Amino acid sequence: MDTFVNLAKQGLEAYQNNQESVSKTGGSEYNRPSHNQHESGRSDSPDVDEDYAVKRAAQNSSGSESLFSSALSFLKDNSSAKHEPVDEEHVTNAHKKVYEDDSSDIDPKSLGSAAALQAFKKFVSGGEAPEKKDTKTQLISMAMEEASKLFDQKKGSSGSGKQDAVNSAAMTVMKLFVQSKISSATGGSNSGGLSGLMSLASKFA
């Protein structure tokens, strides 16, 4: 299985190699995001569309809005942590443990990092359609949602540590953006917007 960061780098490379042939479709709402979306698309920025990310994650999982809002606050309060390297071996081993070996013997933070990898794999494989949002916001929301679902499945909805799992999922995605620079391939006025994301996702289908 490809490692977490390598998946991102492959996606970025695939996008860049096909940049000239990608047509700009989908309208300005896809190709030229608002000022806030430009800010949240920067790989070194912890900013996301909080309202959207929280509501999306809550609607698609059993987690409360406060659970996901607290995770985004955790990102802002620990913004320097995004520069710490992702432990690729740990993340991929955690992913294998819960998704392939179906084990529940895993700590909440490792579970969260595994959920982040699963969310990213869904996104780049086309398992989750790109939305009218910057990629960082969508992926962080997906990762938090996946962590909430996975925690319920492995630990039970009343188990302790769910906040740690969701925090870990969100932070792992932030680290991915910083280290892979994948956000430079999406969301800007010079990118292929939606069509570019779909082209990128098809590389991993």
N, C-alpha and C. Protein backbone atom coordinates (compact mmCIF):
# COMPACT_ATOMS: atom_id res chain seq x y z
N MET A 1 0.83 -1.19 0.00
CA MET A 1 0.00 0.00 0.00
C MET A 1 0.87 1.24 0.00
N ASP A 2 0.46 2.22 -0.83
CA ASP A 2 1.21 3.46 -0.87
C ASP A 2 1.13 4.17 0.47
N THR A 3 2.22 4.81 0.85
CA THR A 3 2.22 5.55 2.10
C THR A 3 1.40 6.82 1.95
N PHE A 4 1.02 7.37 3.09
CA PHE A 4 0.15 8.55 3.13
C PHE A 4 0.72 9.71 2.32
N VAL A 5 1.92 10.13 2.64
CA VAL A 5 2.51 11.28 1.97
C VAL A 5 2.78 10.98 0.50
N ASN A 6 3.20 9.75 0.18
CA ASN A 6 3.45 9.40 -1.21
C ASN A 6 2.18 9.48 -2.04
N LEU A 7 1.04 9.10 -1.47
CA LEU A 7 -0.22 9.23 -2.19
C LEU A 7 -0.46 10.68 -2.57
N ALA A 8 -0.22 11.58 -1.63
CA ALA A 8 -0.42 13.00 -1.90
C ALA A 8 0.55 13.50 -2.97
N LYS A 9 1.80 13.09 -2.87
CA LYS A 9 2.79 13.53 -3.84
C LYS A 9 2.47 13.00 -5.23
N GLN A 10 2.00 11.75 -5.30
CA GLN A 10 1.63 11.18 -6.60
C GLN A 10 0.46 11.95 -7.20
N GLY A 11 -0.49 12.32 -6.34
CA GLY A 11 -1.64 13.07 -6.81
C GLY A 11 -1.23 14.42 -7.35
N LEU A 12 -0.36 15.10 -6.63
CA LEU A 12 0.13 16.40 -7.07
C LEU A 12 0.88 16.28 -8.38
N GLU A 13 1.73 15.27 -8.51
CA GLU A 13 2.49 15.07 -9.73
C GLU A 13 1.57 14.79 -10.91
N ALA A 14 0.57 13.95 -10.68
CA ALA A 14 -0.38 13.62 -11.74
C ALA A 14 -1.12 14.87 -12.20
N TYR A 15 -1.48 15.71 -11.23
CA TYR A 15 -2.18 16.94 -11.57
C TYR A 15 -1.28 17.87 -12.38
N GLN A 16 -0.05 18.05 -11.93
CA GLN A 16 0.87 18.95 -12.62
C GLN A 16 1.18 18.47 -14.03
N ASN A 17 1.34 17.16 -14.21
CA ASN A 17 1.67 16.61 -15.52
C ASN A 17 0.54 16.80 -16.52
N ASN A 18 -0.67 16.93 -16.02
CA ASN A 18 -1.83 17.06 -16.90
C ASN A 18 -2.44 18.46 -16.87
N GLN A 19 -1.74 19.40 -16.24
CA GLN A 19 -2.30 20.73 -16.04
C GLN A 19 -2.69 21.39 -17.35
N GLU A 20 -1.84 21.30 -18.38
CA GLU A 20 -2.10 22.01 -19.61
C GLU A 20 -3.27 21.44 -20.38
N SER A 21 -3.54 20.15 -20.18
CA SER A 21 -4.61 19.51 -20.93
C SER A 21 -5.95 19.53 -20.21
N VAL A 22 -5.96 20.05 -18.99
CA VAL A 22 -7.19 20.07 -18.22
C VAL A 22 -8.00 21.30 -18.57
N SER A 23 -9.24 21.11 -18.98
CA SER A 23 -10.09 22.25 -19.32
C SER A 23 -10.71 22.81 -18.07
N LYS A 24 -10.94 24.10 -18.07
CA LYS A 24 -11.52 24.76 -16.91
C LYS A 24 -13.04 24.72 -17.05
N THR A 25 -13.66 23.79 -16.35
CA THR A 25 -15.11 23.63 -16.42
C THR A 25 -15.71 23.75 -15.04
N GLY A 26 -17.03 23.89 -15.02
CA GLY A 26 -17.72 23.90 -13.73
C GLY A 26 -18.10 25.28 -13.25
N GLY A 27 -17.63 26.33 -13.92
CA GLY A 27 -18.03 27.67 -13.51
C GLY A 27 -17.10 28.28 -12.50
N SER A 28 -17.28 29.58 -12.27
CA SER A 28 -16.37 30.31 -11.39
C SER A 28 -16.43 29.83 -9.96
N GLU A 29 -17.58 29.24 -9.56
CA GLU A 29 -17.66 28.79 -8.18
C GLU A 29 -16.72 27.63 -7.92
N TYR A 30 -16.30 26.92 -8.99
CA TYR A 30 -15.34 25.83 -8.85
C TYR A 30 -13.92 26.32 -9.04
N ASN A 31 -13.71 27.21 -10.01
CA ASN A 31 -12.36 27.56 -10.42
C ASN A 31 -11.79 28.78 -9.71
N ARG A 32 -12.64 29.64 -9.21
CA ARG A 32 -12.14 30.84 -8.54
C ARG A 32 -12.86 31.00 -7.21
N PRO A 33 -12.34 30.36 -6.18
CA PRO A 33 -12.98 30.43 -4.86
C PRO A 33 -12.94 31.83 -4.28
N SER A 34 -13.71 31.99 -3.21
CA SER A 34 -13.74 33.28 -2.52
C SER A 34 -12.41 33.54 -1.84
N HIS A 35 -12.27 34.75 -1.30
CA HIS A 35 -11.04 35.10 -0.59
C HIS A 35 -10.76 34.12 0.54
N ASN A 36 -11.80 33.78 1.29
CA ASN A 36 -11.61 32.85 2.41
C ASN A 36 -11.16 31.49 1.94
N GLN A 37 -11.66 31.06 0.77
CA GLN A 37 -11.24 29.77 0.25
C GLN A 37 -9.79 29.82 -0.20
N HIS A 38 -9.36 30.93 -0.75
CA HIS A 38 -7.95 31.05 -1.12
C HIS A 38 -7.08 30.91 0.12
N GLU A 39 -7.49 31.56 1.21
CA GLU A 39 -6.71 31.49 2.43
C GLU A 39 -6.63 30.07 2.95
N SER A 40 -7.79 29.36 2.95
CA SER A 40 -7.79 28.02 3.50
C SER A 40 -7.14 27.02 2.58
N GLY A 41 -6.90 27.41 1.31
CA GLY A 41 -6.24 26.51 0.39
C GLY A 41 -4.74 26.51 0.53
N ARG A 42 -4.18 27.47 1.26
CA ARG A 42 -2.73 27.52 1.43
C ARG A 42 -2.28 26.37 2.29
N SER A 43 -1.21 25.69 1.86
CA SER A 43 -0.78 24.49 2.57
C SER A 43 -0.26 24.79 3.96
N ASP A 44 0.18 26.03 4.23
CA ASP A 44 0.73 26.32 5.54
C ASP A 44 -0.29 26.98 6.47
N SER A 45 -1.54 27.04 6.04
CA SER A 45 -2.56 27.69 6.85
C SER A 45 -3.46 26.67 7.51
N PRO A 46 -3.75 26.86 8.82
CA PRO A 46 -4.66 25.93 9.50
C PRO A 46 -6.12 26.27 9.25
N ASP A 47 -6.38 27.40 8.55
CA ASP A 47 -7.74 27.87 8.38
C ASP A 47 -8.56 26.97 7.46
N VAL A 48 -9.79 26.71 7.89
CA VAL A 48 -10.75 26.00 7.06
C VAL A 48 -12.08 26.71 7.22
N ASP A 49 -13.03 26.38 6.38
CA ASP A 49 -14.39 26.89 6.54
C ASP A 49 -15.01 26.09 7.68
N GLU A 50 -14.89 26.62 8.88
CA GLU A 50 -15.27 25.86 10.07
C GLU A 50 -16.73 25.46 10.08
N ASP A 51 -17.61 26.38 9.73
CA ASP A 51 -19.04 26.09 9.77
C ASP A 51 -19.37 24.93 8.84
N TYR A 52 -18.82 24.98 7.63
CA TYR A 52 -19.07 23.92 6.66
C TYR A 52 -18.48 22.59 7.13
N ALA A 53 -17.24 22.61 7.58
CA ALA A 53 -16.56 21.38 7.99
C ALA A 53 -17.28 20.71 9.15
N VAL A 54 -17.70 21.51 10.12
CA VAL A 54 -18.38 20.97 11.30
C VAL A 54 -19.73 20.38 10.94
N LYS A 55 -20.52 21.15 10.19
CA LYS A 55 -21.87 20.69 9.84
C LYS A 55 -21.82 19.46 8.94
N ARG A 56 -20.88 19.44 8.00
CA ARG A 56 -20.76 18.30 7.10
C ARG A 56 -20.41 17.04 7.87
N ALA A 57 -19.44 17.13 8.76
CA ALA A 57 -19.02 15.97 9.54
C ALA A 57 -20.14 15.48 10.46
N ALA A 58 -20.85 16.42 11.08
CA ALA A 58 -21.93 16.05 12.00
C ALA A 58 -23.10 15.40 11.27
N GLN A 59 -23.39 15.88 10.07
CA GLN A 59 -24.50 15.33 9.30
C GLN A 59 -24.23 13.91 8.83
N ASN A 60 -22.96 13.57 8.67
CA ASN A 60 -22.60 12.27 8.11
C ASN A 60 -22.07 11.28 9.13
N SER A 61 -22.19 11.62 10.41
CA SER A 61 -21.72 10.72 11.45
C SER A 61 -22.54 10.93 12.71
N SER A 62 -22.24 10.16 13.74
CA SER A 62 -22.97 10.30 15.00
C SER A 62 -22.36 11.38 15.90
N GLY A 63 -21.26 11.96 15.46
CA GLY A 63 -20.59 12.97 16.28
C GLY A 63 -21.36 14.27 16.35
N SER A 64 -21.26 14.94 17.47
CA SER A 64 -21.93 16.23 17.65
C SER A 64 -21.11 17.34 17.01
N GLU A 65 -21.77 18.47 16.75
CA GLU A 65 -21.05 19.61 16.19
C GLU A 65 -19.96 20.08 17.14
N SER A 66 -20.20 19.97 18.44
CA SER A 66 -19.20 20.41 19.41
C SER A 66 -17.94 19.55 19.34
N LEU A 67 -18.10 18.27 19.02
CA LEU A 67 -16.95 17.37 18.87
C LEU A 67 -16.03 17.86 17.77
N PHE A 68 -16.62 18.19 16.63
CA PHE A 68 -15.82 18.61 15.48
C PHE A 68 -15.32 20.05 15.61
N SER A 69 -16.12 20.89 16.24
CA SER A 69 -15.69 22.26 16.48
C SER A 69 -14.48 22.28 17.41
N SER A 70 -14.49 21.40 18.40
CA SER A 70 -13.35 21.31 19.33
C SER A 70 -12.10 20.84 18.61
N ALA A 71 -12.26 19.96 17.62
CA ALA A 71 -11.11 19.48 16.85
C ALA A 71 -10.49 20.61 16.03
N LEU A 72 -11.33 21.47 15.46
CA LEU A 72 -10.81 22.61 14.70
C LEU A 72 -10.13 23.62 15.62
N SER A 73 -10.65 23.76 16.82
CA SER A 73 -9.99 24.62 17.81
C SER A 73 -8.63 24.04 18.18
N PHE A 74 -8.57 22.72 18.26
CA PHE A 74 -7.31 22.04 18.55
C PHE A 74 -6.28 22.34 17.46
N LEU A 75 -6.71 22.37 16.20
CA LEU A 75 -5.79 22.70 15.11
C LEU A 75 -5.20 24.09 15.29
N LYS A 76 -6.07 25.04 15.62
CA LYS A 76 -5.60 26.42 15.78
C LYS A 76 -4.70 26.58 17.00
N ASP A 77 -5.06 25.89 18.07
CA ASP A 77 -4.27 26.00 19.31
C ASP A 77 -2.92 25.31 19.20
N ASN A 78 -2.80 24.38 18.26
CA ASN A 78 -1.56 23.61 18.09
C ASN A 78 -1.04 23.74 16.66
N SER A 79 -1.13 24.95 16.12
CA SER A 79 -0.80 25.15 14.71
C SER A 79 0.64 24.81 14.37
N SER A 80 1.55 24.93 15.33
CA SER A 80 2.95 24.62 15.04
C SER A 80 3.17 23.13 14.81
N ALA A 81 2.25 22.30 15.31
CA ALA A 81 2.40 20.85 15.18
C ALA A 81 2.28 20.38 13.75
N LYS A 82 1.66 21.21 12.89
CA LYS A 82 1.47 20.79 11.50
C LYS A 82 2.80 20.67 10.76
N HIS A 83 3.85 21.28 11.31
CA HIS A 83 5.16 21.19 10.68
C HIS A 83 5.93 19.95 11.10
N GLU A 84 5.40 19.22 12.07
CA GLU A 84 6.04 17.98 12.48
C GLU A 84 5.78 16.92 11.41
N PRO A 85 6.77 16.09 11.10
CA PRO A 85 6.58 15.11 10.02
C PRO A 85 5.56 14.05 10.37
N VAL A 86 4.82 13.62 9.36
CA VAL A 86 3.91 12.49 9.52
C VAL A 86 4.74 11.22 9.64
N ASP A 87 4.45 10.42 10.63
CA ASP A 87 5.12 9.12 10.78
C ASP A 87 4.41 8.16 9.83
N GLU A 88 4.92 8.09 8.60
CA GLU A 88 4.24 7.32 7.56
C GLU A 88 4.07 5.85 7.94
N GLU A 89 5.09 5.27 8.53
CA GLU A 89 5.01 3.86 8.91
C GLU A 89 3.92 3.64 9.95
N HIS A 90 3.86 4.54 10.91
CA HIS A 90 2.86 4.42 11.97
C HIS A 90 1.45 4.56 11.39
N VAL A 91 1.26 5.54 10.51
CA VAL A 91 -0.06 5.78 9.93
C VAL A 91 -0.51 4.59 9.09
N THR A 92 0.37 4.10 8.23
CA THR A 92 -0.01 2.99 7.36
C THR A 92 -0.22 1.71 8.15
N ASN A 93 0.56 1.51 9.20
CA ASN A 93 0.36 0.32 10.04
C ASN A 93 -0.97 0.41 10.80
N ALA A 94 -1.29 1.61 11.27
CA ALA A 94 -2.56 1.81 11.97
C ALA A 94 -3.73 1.57 11.01
N HIS A 95 -3.58 2.06 9.79
CA HIS A 95 -4.64 1.87 8.79
C HIS A 95 -4.84 0.38 8.50
N LYS A 96 -3.75 -0.34 8.33
CA LYS A 96 -3.84 -1.78 8.07
C LYS A 96 -4.50 -2.50 9.24
N LYS A 97 -4.15 -2.08 10.44
CA LYS A 97 -4.65 -2.75 11.64
C LYS A 97 -6.17 -2.65 11.75
N VAL A 98 -6.71 -1.47 11.47
CA VAL A 98 -8.15 -1.29 11.66
C VAL A 98 -8.98 -1.60 10.42
N TYR A 99 -8.41 -1.37 9.22
CA TYR A 99 -9.21 -1.56 8.01
C TYR A 99 -8.99 -2.92 7.35
N GLU A 100 -7.83 -3.50 7.53
CA GLU A 100 -7.57 -4.81 6.92
C GLU A 100 -7.63 -5.94 7.94
N ASP A 101 -7.05 -5.71 9.12
CA ASP A 101 -7.06 -6.75 10.16
C ASP A 101 -8.29 -6.67 11.05
N ASP A 102 -9.08 -5.59 10.89
CA ASP A 102 -10.32 -5.40 11.65
C ASP A 102 -10.09 -5.48 13.16
N SER A 103 -9.00 -4.89 13.60
CA SER A 103 -8.66 -4.91 15.02
C SER A 103 -9.23 -3.69 15.73
N SER A 104 -9.63 -3.88 16.96
CA SER A 104 -10.10 -2.76 17.79
C SER A 104 -9.07 -2.40 18.85
N ASP A 105 -7.96 -3.11 18.85
CA ASP A 105 -6.90 -2.88 19.83
C ASP A 105 -5.97 -1.79 19.33
N ILE A 106 -6.42 -0.55 19.44
CA ILE A 106 -5.66 0.58 18.92
C ILE A 106 -6.01 1.82 19.73
N ASP A 107 -5.03 2.67 19.97
CA ASP A 107 -5.28 3.87 20.76
C ASP A 107 -6.01 4.92 19.92
N PRO A 108 -6.73 5.84 20.55
CA PRO A 108 -7.53 6.82 19.82
C PRO A 108 -6.75 7.66 18.81
N LYS A 109 -5.55 8.10 19.17
CA LYS A 109 -4.78 8.94 18.25
C LYS A 109 -4.37 8.17 17.00
N SER A 110 -3.97 6.93 17.17
CA SER A 110 -3.61 6.11 16.01
C SER A 110 -4.84 5.83 15.16
N LEU A 111 -5.96 5.61 15.82
CA LEU A 111 -7.21 5.40 15.09
C LEU A 111 -7.54 6.63 14.25
N GLY A 112 -7.32 7.81 14.81
CA GLY A 112 -7.59 9.04 14.08
C GLY A 112 -6.71 9.20 12.86
N SER A 113 -5.44 8.86 12.99
CA SER A 113 -4.53 8.98 11.84
C SER A 113 -4.90 7.97 10.76
N ALA A 114 -5.35 6.78 11.17
CA ALA A 114 -5.80 5.78 10.20
C ALA A 114 -7.04 6.27 9.46
N ALA A 115 -7.93 6.93 10.18
CA ALA A 115 -9.14 7.48 9.57
C ALA A 115 -8.80 8.57 8.56
N ALA A 116 -7.78 9.37 8.87
CA ALA A 116 -7.35 10.43 7.95
C ALA A 116 -6.84 9.83 6.65
N LEU A 117 -6.06 8.76 6.74
CA LEU A 117 -5.56 8.10 5.55
C LEU A 117 -6.71 7.52 4.74
N GLN A 118 -7.68 6.92 5.42
CA GLN A 118 -8.83 6.35 4.72
C GLN A 118 -9.62 7.43 4.00
N ALA A 119 -9.80 8.58 4.63
CA ALA A 119 -10.53 9.68 4.00
C ALA A 119 -9.79 10.17 2.76
N PHE A 120 -8.46 10.29 2.86
CA PHE A 120 -7.70 10.75 1.71
C PHE A 120 -7.76 9.73 0.57
N LYS A 121 -7.68 8.46 0.91
CA LYS A 121 -7.75 7.42 -0.12
C LYS A 121 -9.10 7.44 -0.83
N LYS A 122 -10.17 7.68 -0.07
CA LYS A 122 -11.50 7.78 -0.67
C LYS A 122 -11.55 8.96 -1.64
N PHE A 123 -10.94 10.07 -1.22
CA PHE A 123 -11.00 11.28 -2.04
C PHE A 123 -10.25 11.10 -3.35
N VAL A 124 -9.00 10.62 -3.29
CA VAL A 124 -8.20 10.55 -4.50
C VAL A 124 -8.60 9.38 -5.39
N SER A 125 -9.35 8.41 -4.86
CA SER A 125 -9.80 7.28 -5.68
C SER A 125 -11.13 7.57 -6.34
N GLY A 126 -11.70 8.74 -6.03
CA GLY A 126 -12.99 9.07 -6.61
C GLY A 126 -14.15 8.56 -5.78
N GLY A 127 -13.86 7.99 -4.61
CA GLY A 127 -14.91 7.48 -3.75
C GLY A 127 -15.70 8.58 -3.07
N GLU A 128 -15.19 9.78 -3.12
CA GLU A 128 -15.88 10.94 -2.55
C GLU A 128 -15.76 12.07 -3.56
N ALA A 129 -16.89 12.53 -4.08
CA ALA A 129 -16.86 13.54 -5.13
C ALA A 129 -16.39 14.88 -4.60
N PRO A 130 -15.54 15.60 -5.37
CA PRO A 130 -15.15 16.95 -4.96
C PRO A 130 -16.38 17.84 -4.82
N GLU A 131 -16.36 18.72 -3.84
CA GLU A 131 -17.49 19.59 -3.57
C GLU A 131 -17.12 21.03 -3.87
N LYS A 132 -18.09 21.90 -3.71
CA LYS A 132 -17.86 23.32 -3.95
C LYS A 132 -17.15 23.95 -2.76
N LYS A 133 -16.08 23.33 -2.35
CA LYS A 133 -15.29 23.83 -1.23
C LYS A 133 -13.82 23.58 -1.52
N ASP A 134 -12.95 24.35 -0.86
CA ASP A 134 -11.53 24.10 -1.01
C ASP A 134 -11.24 22.70 -0.51
N THR A 135 -10.21 22.10 -1.08
CA THR A 135 -9.90 20.70 -0.80
C THR A 135 -9.54 20.47 0.65
N LYS A 136 -8.85 21.43 1.27
CA LYS A 136 -8.45 21.25 2.67
C LYS A 136 -9.67 21.12 3.57
N THR A 137 -10.65 22.00 3.38
CA THR A 137 -11.86 21.95 4.20
C THR A 137 -12.57 20.62 4.02
N GLN A 138 -12.72 20.19 2.77
CA GLN A 138 -13.43 18.94 2.52
C GLN A 138 -12.70 17.75 3.14
N LEU A 139 -11.39 17.69 2.97
CA LEU A 139 -10.64 16.55 3.48
C LEU A 139 -10.61 16.51 5.00
N ILE A 140 -10.47 17.66 5.64
CA ILE A 140 -10.49 17.68 7.10
C ILE A 140 -11.86 17.24 7.61
N SER A 141 -12.92 17.71 6.96
CA SER A 141 -14.26 17.30 7.36
C SER A 141 -14.45 15.80 7.17
N MET A 142 -13.98 15.28 6.03
CA MET A 142 -14.08 13.84 5.77
C MET A 142 -13.31 13.03 6.79
N ALA A 143 -12.12 13.50 7.15
CA ALA A 143 -11.28 12.77 8.11
C ALA A 143 -11.92 12.75 9.49
N MET A 144 -12.48 13.89 9.91
CA MET A 144 -13.14 13.94 11.21
C MET A 144 -14.36 13.02 11.23
N GLU A 145 -15.11 13.07 10.16
CA GLU A 145 -16.29 12.19 10.03
C GLU A 145 -15.89 10.72 10.11
N GLU A 146 -14.85 10.36 9.36
CA GLU A 146 -14.38 8.97 9.34
C GLU A 146 -13.89 8.54 10.72
N ALA A 147 -13.19 9.43 11.41
CA ALA A 147 -12.69 9.11 12.75
C ALA A 147 -13.83 8.87 13.72
N SER A 148 -14.87 9.68 13.62
CA SER A 148 -16.03 9.51 14.50
C SER A 148 -16.71 8.17 14.25
N LYS A 149 -16.91 7.83 12.98
CA LYS A 149 -17.54 6.56 12.63
C LYS A 149 -16.67 5.38 13.07
N LEU A 150 -15.38 5.49 12.81
CA LEU A 150 -14.47 4.39 13.13
C LEU A 150 -14.38 4.19 14.63
N PHE A 151 -14.37 5.28 15.38
CA PHE A 151 -14.31 5.16 16.83
C PHE A 151 -15.55 4.45 17.36
N ASP A 152 -16.72 4.84 16.85
CA ASP A 152 -17.96 4.19 17.28
C ASP A 152 -17.91 2.69 16.99
N GLN A 153 -17.36 2.36 15.83
CA GLN A 153 -17.29 0.96 15.40
C GLN A 153 -16.33 0.15 16.26
N LYS A 154 -15.19 0.73 16.57
CA LYS A 154 -14.13 -0.01 17.27
C LYS A 154 -14.20 0.12 18.78
N LYS A 155 -14.65 1.26 19.25
CA LYS A 155 -14.61 1.53 20.69
C LYS A 155 -15.99 1.68 21.32
N GLY A 156 -17.01 1.86 20.48
CA GLY A 156 -18.34 2.11 21.01
C GLY A 156 -18.59 3.59 21.17
N SER A 157 -19.83 4.00 20.92
CA SER A 157 -20.15 5.43 20.93
C SER A 157 -19.94 6.08 22.29
N SER A 158 -19.94 5.27 23.35
CA SER A 158 -19.75 5.82 24.69
C SER A 158 -18.32 5.70 25.18
N GLY A 159 -17.44 5.19 24.33
CA GLY A 159 -16.05 5.01 24.72
C GLY A 159 -15.34 6.34 24.92
N SER A 160 -14.34 6.34 25.78
CA SER A 160 -13.57 7.56 26.01
C SER A 160 -12.47 7.69 24.97
N GLY A 161 -12.09 8.91 24.68
CA GLY A 161 -11.01 9.15 23.73
C GLY A 161 -11.47 9.54 22.35
N LYS A 162 -12.77 9.70 22.15
CA LYS A 162 -13.27 10.04 20.81
C LYS A 162 -12.75 11.39 20.34
N GLN A 163 -12.67 12.35 21.27
CA GLN A 163 -12.15 13.66 20.90
C GLN A 163 -10.70 13.56 20.43
N ASP A 164 -9.90 12.75 21.11
CA ASP A 164 -8.51 12.56 20.71
C ASP A 164 -8.42 11.97 19.30
N ALA A 165 -9.32 11.04 18.99
CA ALA A 165 -9.31 10.41 17.67
C ALA A 165 -9.64 11.43 16.58
N VAL A 166 -10.65 12.25 16.83
CA VAL A 166 -11.06 13.25 15.84
C VAL A 166 -9.99 14.33 15.70
N ASN A 167 -9.41 14.75 16.82
CA ASN A 167 -8.31 15.73 16.78
C ASN A 167 -7.15 15.20 15.94
N SER A 168 -6.80 13.94 16.15
CA SER A 168 -5.68 13.33 15.45
C SER A 168 -5.95 13.25 13.95
N ALA A 169 -7.18 12.93 13.58
CA ALA A 169 -7.53 12.85 12.16
C ALA A 169 -7.37 14.20 11.48
N ALA A 170 -7.87 15.25 12.13
CA ALA A 170 -7.77 16.59 11.56
C ALA A 170 -6.32 17.04 11.45
N MET A 171 -5.52 16.79 12.48
CA MET A 171 -4.12 17.20 12.46
C MET A 171 -3.32 16.43 11.42
N THR A 172 -3.63 15.16 11.24
CA THR A 172 -2.90 14.36 10.25
C THR A 172 -3.12 14.91 8.86
N VAL A 173 -4.35 15.33 8.56
CA VAL A 173 -4.63 15.94 7.26
C VAL A 173 -3.86 17.25 7.11
N MET A 174 -3.81 18.06 8.17
CA MET A 174 -3.06 19.32 8.09
C MET A 174 -1.60 19.06 7.80
N LYS A 175 -1.02 18.06 8.46
CA LYS A 175 0.38 17.73 8.22
C LYS A 175 0.59 17.29 6.78
N LEU A 176 -0.36 16.55 6.26
CA LEU A 176 -0.28 16.11 4.87
C LEU A 176 -0.22 17.29 3.93
N PHE A 177 -1.07 18.28 4.15
CA PHE A 177 -1.08 19.46 3.29
C PHE A 177 0.24 20.21 3.35
N VAL A 178 0.76 20.37 4.54
CA VAL A 178 2.02 21.10 4.70
C VAL A 178 3.16 20.36 4.01
N GLN A 179 3.22 19.05 4.19
CA GLN A 179 4.37 18.29 3.70
C GLN A 179 4.29 17.97 2.21
N SER A 180 3.11 17.77 1.70
CA SER A 180 3.00 17.38 0.30
C SER A 180 2.78 18.56 -0.63
N LYS A 181 2.35 19.69 -0.05
CA LYS A 181 2.02 20.87 -0.84
C LYS A 181 0.90 20.57 -1.82
N ILE A 182 0.06 19.61 -1.49
CA ILE A 182 -0.99 19.23 -2.44
C ILE A 182 -1.97 20.35 -2.68
N SER A 183 -2.13 21.26 -1.72
CA SER A 183 -3.10 22.33 -1.91
C SER A 183 -2.71 23.25 -3.05
N SER A 184 -1.45 23.26 -3.44
CA SER A 184 -1.04 24.11 -4.56
C SER A 184 -1.62 23.60 -5.86
N ALA A 185 -2.13 22.37 -5.86
CA ALA A 185 -2.71 21.80 -7.07
C ALA A 185 -4.20 22.04 -7.16
N THR A 186 -4.79 22.64 -6.15
CA THR A 186 -6.23 22.77 -6.14
C THR A 186 -6.66 24.14 -5.65
N GLY A 187 -7.82 24.56 -6.12
CA GLY A 187 -8.49 25.71 -5.53
C GLY A 187 -8.10 27.06 -6.05
N GLY A 188 -7.00 27.24 -6.74
CA GLY A 188 -6.59 28.55 -7.20
C GLY A 188 -7.19 28.91 -8.54
N SER A 189 -7.12 30.19 -8.90
CA SER A 189 -7.72 30.63 -10.15
C SER A 189 -6.99 30.09 -11.36
N ASN A 190 -5.75 29.63 -11.19
CA ASN A 190 -5.00 29.09 -12.31
C ASN A 190 -5.05 27.57 -12.38
N SER A 191 -5.84 26.98 -11.49
CA SER A 191 -5.93 25.52 -11.49
C SER A 191 -7.10 25.09 -12.35
N GLY A 192 -7.23 23.79 -12.53
CA GLY A 192 -8.33 23.26 -13.31
C GLY A 192 -9.60 23.13 -12.50
N GLY A 193 -9.60 23.57 -11.24
CA GLY A 193 -10.79 23.52 -10.44
C GLY A 193 -11.35 22.12 -10.32
N LEU A 194 -12.66 22.00 -10.48
CA LEU A 194 -13.33 20.72 -10.32
C LEU A 194 -12.81 19.69 -11.31
N SER A 195 -12.65 20.09 -12.58
CA SER A 195 -12.19 19.12 -13.58
C SER A 195 -10.80 18.62 -13.25
N GLY A 196 -9.96 19.49 -12.68
CA GLY A 196 -8.62 19.07 -12.30
C GLY A 196 -8.64 18.06 -11.17
N LEU A 197 -9.53 18.29 -10.20
CA LEU A 197 -9.65 17.35 -9.09
C LEU A 197 -10.16 16.00 -9.57
N MET A 198 -11.12 16.02 -10.49
CA MET A 198 -11.65 14.76 -11.01
C MET A 198 -10.58 14.02 -11.80
N SER A 199 -9.76 14.78 -12.55
CA SER A 199 -8.67 14.16 -13.29
C SER A 199 -7.67 13.53 -12.34
N LEU A 200 -7.36 14.24 -11.25
CA LEU A 200 -6.43 13.73 -10.26
C LEU A 200 -6.99 12.46 -9.62
N ALA A 201 -8.27 12.51 -9.25
CA ALA A 201 -8.87 11.36 -8.58
C ALA A 201 -8.87 10.13 -9.47
N SER A 202 -9.04 10.34 -10.79
CA SER A 202 -9.10 9.20 -11.70
C SER A 202 -7.79 8.43 -11.75
N LYS A 203 -6.69 9.08 -11.37
CA LYS A 203 -5.38 8.42 -11.39
C LYS A 203 -5.30 7.31 -10.35
N PHE A 204 -6.18 7.39 -9.34
CA PHE A 204 -6.13 6.41 -8.26
C PHE A 204 -7.34 5.49 -8.24
N ALA A 205 -8.18 5.59 -9.27
CA ALA A 205 -9.40 4.77 -9.32
C ALA A 205 -9.04 3.31 -9.51
